[in-house]
C-alpha atoms as a PDB file:
ATOM      1  CA  MET A   1       9.432  18.494   2.191  1.00  0.00           C
ATOM      2  CA  SER A   2       8.049  15.247   2.518  1.00  0.00           C
ATOM      3  CA  TYR A   3       4.096  13.548   2.391  1.00  0.00           C
ATOM      4  CA  ILE A   4       3.273  12.074   6.462  1.00  0.00           C
ATOM      5  CA  PHE A   5       1.157   8.536   6.381  1.00  0.00           C
ATOM      6  CA  GLU A   6       0.105   7.358   9.314  1.00  0.00           C
ATOM      7  CA  VAL A   7      -1.850   5.118  11.644  1.00  0.00           C
ATOM      8  CA  ALA A   8      -3.345   5.882  15.080  1.00  0.00           C
ATOM      9  CA  ASP A   9      -1.208   8.915  15.679  1.00  0.00           C
ATOM     10  CA  GLU A  10       2.091   6.973  14.604  1.00  0.00           C
ATOM     11  CA  THR A  11       4.010   8.421  10.764  1.00  0.00           C
ATOM     12  CA  ILE A  12       4.850   5.359   9.496  1.00  0.00           C
ATOM     13  CA  TRP A  13       5.848   6.608   5.918  1.00  0.00           C
ATOM     14  CA  SER A  14       7.306   9.827   5.007  1.00  0.00           C
ATOM     15  CA  PRO A  15       8.078  10.105   1.239  1.00  0.00           C
ATOM     16  CA  ALA A  16       9.855  12.355  -1.082  1.00  0.00           C
ATOM     17  CA  ARG A  17       6.971  14.779  -1.320  1.00  0.00           C
ATOM     18  CA  ARG A  18       6.643  13.255  -5.842  1.00  0.00           C
ATOM     19  CA  VAL A  19       6.811   9.639  -3.954  1.00  0.00           C
ATOM     20  CA  GLY A  20       4.394  10.788  -2.164  1.00  0.00           C
ATOM     21  CA  GLN A  21       2.740  12.502  -4.650  1.00  0.00           C
ATOM     22  CA  LEU A  22       2.854   9.154  -7.357  1.00  0.00           C
ATOM     23  CA  TYR A  23       1.923   6.166  -4.761  1.00  0.00           C
ATOM     24  CA  VAL A  24      -2.027   7.525  -3.054  1.00  0.00           C
ATOM     25  CA  GLY A  25      -2.582   8.597  -7.296  1.00  0.00           C
ATOM     26  CA  TYR A  26      -1.490   4.381  -7.232  1.00  0.00           C
ATOM     27  CA  ILE A  27      -3.444   3.617  -4.462  1.00  0.00           C
ATOM     28  CA  GLU A  28      -6.631   5.760  -4.997  1.00  0.00           C
ATOM     29  CA  SER A  29      -6.693   3.734  -9.168  1.00  0.00           C
ATOM     30  CA  ILE A  30      -6.609   0.612  -7.821  1.00  0.00           C
ATOM     31  CA  ALA A  31      -9.129   1.542  -5.542  1.00  0.00           C
ATOM     32  CA  ARG A  32     -10.952   2.821  -8.231  1.00  0.00           C
ATOM     33  CA  THR A  33     -10.859   0.200 -10.744  1.00  0.00           C
ATOM     34  CA  LEU A  34     -11.457  -2.688  -7.661  1.00  0.00           C
ATOM     35  CA  LYS A  35     -14.709  -0.351  -6.090  1.00  0.00           C
ATOM     36  CA  LEU A  36     -12.559  -0.898  -2.671  1.00  0.00           C
ATOM     37  CA  PRO A  37     -11.726   2.626  -0.201  1.00  0.00           C
ATOM     38  CA  THR A  38      -8.557   2.955  -0.220  1.00  0.00           C
ATOM     39  CA  GLY A  39      -8.734   3.429   3.782  1.00  0.00           C
ATOM     40  CA  LEU A  40      -6.909   7.142   3.171  1.00  0.00           C
ATOM     41  CA  THR A  41      -8.188  10.382   4.582  1.00  0.00           C
ATOM     42  CA  ALA A  42      -6.327  13.464   3.364  1.00  0.00           C
ATOM     43  CA  VAL A  43      -4.985  16.187   6.655  1.00  0.00           C
ATOM     44  CA  ALA A  44      -3.786  17.549   4.167  1.00  0.00           C
ATOM     45  CA  ASN A  45      -2.467  18.276   1.046  1.00  0.00           C
ATOM     46  CA  ASP A  46       0.461  15.745   1.967  1.00  0.00           C
ATOM     47  CA  TYR A  47      -0.667  14.278   5.373  1.00  0.00           C
ATOM     48  CA  PHE A  48      -2.654  11.526   4.858  1.00  0.00           C
ATOM     49  CA  GLU A  49      -3.890   9.579   7.822  1.00  0.00           C
ATOM     50  CA  ILE A  50      -4.310   5.123   7.671  1.00  0.00           C
ATOM     51  CA  ASN A  51      -7.747   3.510   8.298  1.00  0.00           C
ATOM     52  CA  LEU A  52      -5.508   0.197   8.421  1.00  0.00           C
ATOM     53  CA  ALA A  53      -8.682  -2.248   8.359  1.00  0.00           C
ATOM     54  CA  GLN A  54      -9.796  -0.717   5.269  1.00  0.00           C
ATOM     55  CA  PHE A  55      -6.683  -0.725   3.579  1.00  0.00           C
ATOM     56  CA  LYS A  56      -5.797  -3.642   4.164  1.00  0.00           C
ATOM     57  CA  SER A  57      -9.000  -5.045   2.862  1.00  0.00           C
ATOM     58  CA  LEU A  58      -7.706  -2.872  -0.522  1.00  0.00           C
ATOM     59  CA  ILE A  59      -4.268  -4.451  -0.488  1.00  0.00           C
ATOM     60  CA  ASP A  60      -5.089  -7.880  -0.115  1.00  0.00           C
ATOM     61  CA  THR A  61      -8.099  -7.072  -2.307  1.00  0.00           C
ATOM     62  CA  ALA A  62      -5.536  -5.605  -4.904  1.00  0.00           C
ATOM     63  CA  ALA A  63      -2.594  -8.922  -3.982  1.00  0.00           C
ATOM     64  CA  ASN A  64      -5.138 -12.063  -4.398  1.00  0.00           C
ATOM     65  CA  GLU A  65      -5.992  -9.829  -7.722  1.00  0.00           C
ATOM     66  CA  TYR A  66      -2.588  -9.583  -8.995  1.00  0.00           C
ATOM     67  CA  VAL A  67      -2.072 -13.896  -7.977  1.00  0.00           C
ATOM     68  CA  THR A  68      -4.984 -15.089 -10.092  1.00  0.00           C
ATOM     69  CA  SER A  69      -5.471 -12.261 -13.144  1.00  0.00           C
ATOM     70  CA  SER A  70      -3.966 -13.457 -16.438  1.00  0.00           C
ATOM     71  CA  HIS A  71      -4.188 -10.800 -17.354  1.00  0.00           C
ATOM     72  CA  THR A  72       0.243  -9.783 -18.111  1.00  0.00           C
ATOM     73  CA  ILE A  73      -0.053  -5.503 -17.888  1.00  0.00           C
ATOM     74  CA  PHE A  74      -2.559  -5.580 -15.238  1.00  0.00           C
ATOM     75  CA  TYR A  75      -0.392  -8.204 -12.736  1.00  0.00           C
ATOM     76  CA  GLN A  76       2.150  -6.099 -13.958  1.00  0.00           C
ATOM     77  CA  LEU A  77       0.483  -3.145 -13.623  1.00  0.00           C
ATOM     78  CA  LEU A  78      -0.497  -3.764  -9.705  1.00  0.00           C
ATOM     79  CA  GLU A  79       3.396  -5.178  -9.234  1.00  0.00           C
ATOM     80  CA  PRO A  80       5.462  -2.135  -8.232  1.00  0.00           C
ATOM     81  CA  VAL A  81       3.116  -0.651  -5.321  1.00  0.00           C
ATOM     82  CA  LEU A  82       2.089  -3.933  -3.854  1.00  0.00           C
ATOM     83  CA  PRO A  83       4.988  -4.325  -2.047  1.00  0.00           C
ATOM     84  CA  VAL A  84       5.070  -1.034  -0.634  1.00  0.00           C
ATOM     85  CA  SER A  85       1.634  -1.547   0.096  1.00  0.00           C
ATOM     86  CA  ILE A  86       2.154  -4.398   1.762  1.00  0.00           C
ATOM     87  CA  ALA A  87       5.417  -2.805   3.639  1.00  0.00           C
ATOM     88  CA  LEU A  88       3.269   0.349   5.404  1.00  0.00           C
ATOM     89  CA  ILE A  89       0.647  -2.550   6.495  1.00  0.00           C
ATOM     90  CA  LEU A  90       3.566  -4.639   7.998  1.00  0.00           C
ATOM     91  CA  ARG A  91       4.632  -1.467   9.496  1.00  0.00           C
ATOM     92  CA  ALA A  92       2.008  -0.419  11.927  1.00  0.00           C
ATOM     93  CA  ASP A  93       0.736  -4.462  12.275  1.00  0.00           C
ATOM     94  CA  PRO A  94       4.241  -7.027  11.934  1.00  0.00           C
ATOM     95  CA  THR A  95       2.166  -9.592  12.904  1.00  0.00           C
ATOM     96  CA  TRP A  96      -0.549  -8.980   9.306  1.00  0.00           C
ATOM     97  CA  GLN A  97      -0.221 -11.706   6.718  1.00  0.00           C
ATOM     98  CA  VAL A  98      -1.805 -11.525   3.201  1.00  0.00           C
ATOM     99  CA  ALA A  99      -5.182 -12.976   2.715  1.00  0.00           C
ATOM    100  CA  ASN A 100      -3.927 -14.929  -0.746  1.00  0.00           C
ATOM    101  CA  PRO A 101      -0.769 -17.687   0.268  1.00  0.00           C
ATOM    102  CA  GLY A 102      -0.096 -16.714  -3.323  1.00  0.00           C
ATOM    103  CA  ALA A 103       0.318 -13.199  -2.694  1.00  0.00           C
ATOM    104  CA  GLN A 104       4.011 -14.346  -0.024  1.00  0.00           C
ATOM    105  CA  ASP A 105       6.513 -12.494  -3.311  1.00  0.00           C
ATOM    106  CA  LEU A 106       5.266  -9.776  -2.456  1.00  0.00           C
ATOM    107  CA  VAL A 107       5.081 -10.283   1.483  1.00  0.00           C
ATOM    108  CA  ASN A 108       9.063 -11.270   0.814  1.00  0.00           C
ATOM    109  CA  ALA A 109       9.635  -8.637  -1.266  1.00  0.00           C
ATOM    110  CA  ALA A 110       7.667  -5.760   1.104  1.00  0.00           C
ATOM    111  CA  TYR A 111      11.076  -6.385   3.357  1.00  0.00           C
ATOM    112  CA  PRO A 112      13.684  -4.788   1.669  1.00  0.00           C
ATOM    113  CA  LEU A 113      11.940  -2.130   1.519  1.00  0.00           C
ATOM    114  CA  SER A 114      11.224  -0.992   4.014  1.00  0.00           C
ATOM    115  CA  ARG A 115      14.359  -0.179   4.452  1.00  0.00           C
ATOM    116  CA  ASP A 116      14.197   2.251   1.533  1.00  0.00           C
ATOM    117  CA  MET A 117      11.177   4.361   3.674  1.00  0.00           C
ATOM    118  CA  PRO A 118      11.772   6.660   6.511  1.00  0.00           C
ATOM    119  CA  GLN A 119      10.302   7.615   8.999  1.00  0.00           C
END
């Protein structure tokens, strides 16, 4: 079994079930903390449509927090999920650029991850 993440009827990621569950949990937690919508809409338990505008806003805000936070643990908690999220955005919109140029290292980390993320 796998999860499906779609943007405009195009599957951009189809991870294993446990990976998908963990990812959705991360995103929901980050969105709650930042008081922003996730951009994810559950079509089924294992199938999510991504509202790209909302998702980009969440990830841009989280990436900015990552760059500007002086709290080491907060930084470490954001670090694992941001490159995966950026890889998803870049699959849907290859011209996208992170709002804070200081987060470019996250974008650079997304490229090799994308190769390991099944569609």
